[in-house]
Amino acid sequence: MSTEDRFIDIEIKLAHQEDLVEALNLRVYEQQKQIDKLEGMCAALAQHMRDQSQSGGAGGAAHERPPHY
């Protein structure tokens, strides 16, 4: 194998590596956006649960029998 062939092979491998790194970077970015969205949803749900517990549950006690019994 000549030196030129080796350089061509290395350049091909480098191009594939660059494509792979770019694809992985894009995937990490998309996952971070999804994580941020889910964290926001969890924070909103936690706030909603705190608001419900502070307002007395608005539906009575959790272990109280329904009125039709």
Protein backbone atom coordinates (compact mmCIF):
# COMPACT_ATOMS: atom_id res chain seq x y z
CA MET A 1 0.00 0.00 0.00
CA SER A 2 1.49 3.32 -1.03
CA THR A 3 1.66 6.42 1.13
CA GLU A 4 -0.93 8.14 -1.05
CA ASP A 5 -3.35 5.23 -0.61
CA ARG A 6 -2.82 5.38 3.15
CA PHE A 7 -3.54 9.13 3.18
CA ILE A 8 -6.71 8.60 1.15
CA ASP A 9 -7.83 5.87 3.54
CA ILE A 10 -7.17 8.13 6.54
CA GLU A 11 -9.07 11.01 4.93
CA ILE A 12 -12.06 8.74 4.26
CA LYS A 13 -12.06 7.52 7.86
CA LEU A 14 -11.76 11.10 9.11
CA ALA A 15 -14.72 12.20 6.99
CA HIS A 16 -16.82 9.35 8.43
CA GLN A 17 -15.73 10.29 11.96
CA GLU A 18 -16.70 13.93 11.40
CA ASP A 19 -20.14 12.88 10.14
CA LEU A 20 -20.62 10.60 13.14
CA VAL A 21 -19.56 13.30 15.62
CA GLU A 22 -21.97 15.78 14.00
CA ALA A 23 -24.84 13.27 14.15
CA LEU A 24 -24.08 12.48 17.79
CA ASN A 25 -23.87 16.18 18.64
CA LEU A 26 -27.28 16.78 17.06
CA ARG A 27 -28.77 13.86 19.00
CA VAL A 28 -27.35 15.14 22.30
CA TYR A 29 -28.79 18.59 21.55
CA GLU A 30 -32.24 17.10 20.84
CA GLN A 31 -32.10 15.02 24.00
CA GLN A 32 -31.16 18.07 26.08
CA LYS A 33 -34.14 19.98 24.68
CA GLN A 34 -36.39 17.05 25.62
CA ILE A 35 -34.87 16.86 29.12
CA ASP A 36 -35.44 20.59 29.61
CA LYS A 37 -39.07 20.21 28.52
CA LEU A 38 -39.63 17.24 30.86
CA GLU A 39 -38.02 19.09 33.78
CA GLY A 40 -40.38 21.99 33.16
CA MET A 41 -43.35 19.64 33.11
CA CYS A 42 -42.21 18.00 36.36
CA ALA A 43 -41.79 21.38 38.02
CA ALA A 44 -45.26 22.44 36.89
CA LEU A 45 -46.74 19.18 38.17
CA ALA A 46 -44.97 19.55 41.52
CA GLN A 47 -46.26 23.12 41.82
CA HIS A 48 -49.76 21.95 40.96
CA MET A 49 -49.55 19.24 43.64
CA ARG A 50 -48.32 21.79 46.21
CA ASP A 51 -51.17 24.14 45.29
CA GLN A 52 -53.69 21.31 45.65
CA SER A 53 -52.37 20.27 49.06
CA GLN A 54 -52.37 23.88 50.32
CA SER A 55 -55.94 24.47 49.19
CA GLY A 56 -57.18 21.51 51.20
CA GLY A 57 -57.38 19.11 48.31
CA ALA A 58 -60.64 20.65 47.03
CA GLY A 59 -62.09 17.17 46.91
CA GLY A 60 -62.01 16.11 50.52
CA ALA A 61 -59.65 13.74 52.28
CA ALA A 62 -58.02 11.00 50.25
CA HIS A 63 -59.38 8.23 52.52
CA GLU A 64 -62.84 9.67 53.05
CA ARG A 65 -65.81 7.62 51.80
CA PRO A 66 -67.71 9.07 48.89
CA PRO A 67 -71.11 10.58 49.85
CA HIS A 68 -73.14 7.85 48.16
CA TYR A 69 -72.04 5.18 50.72
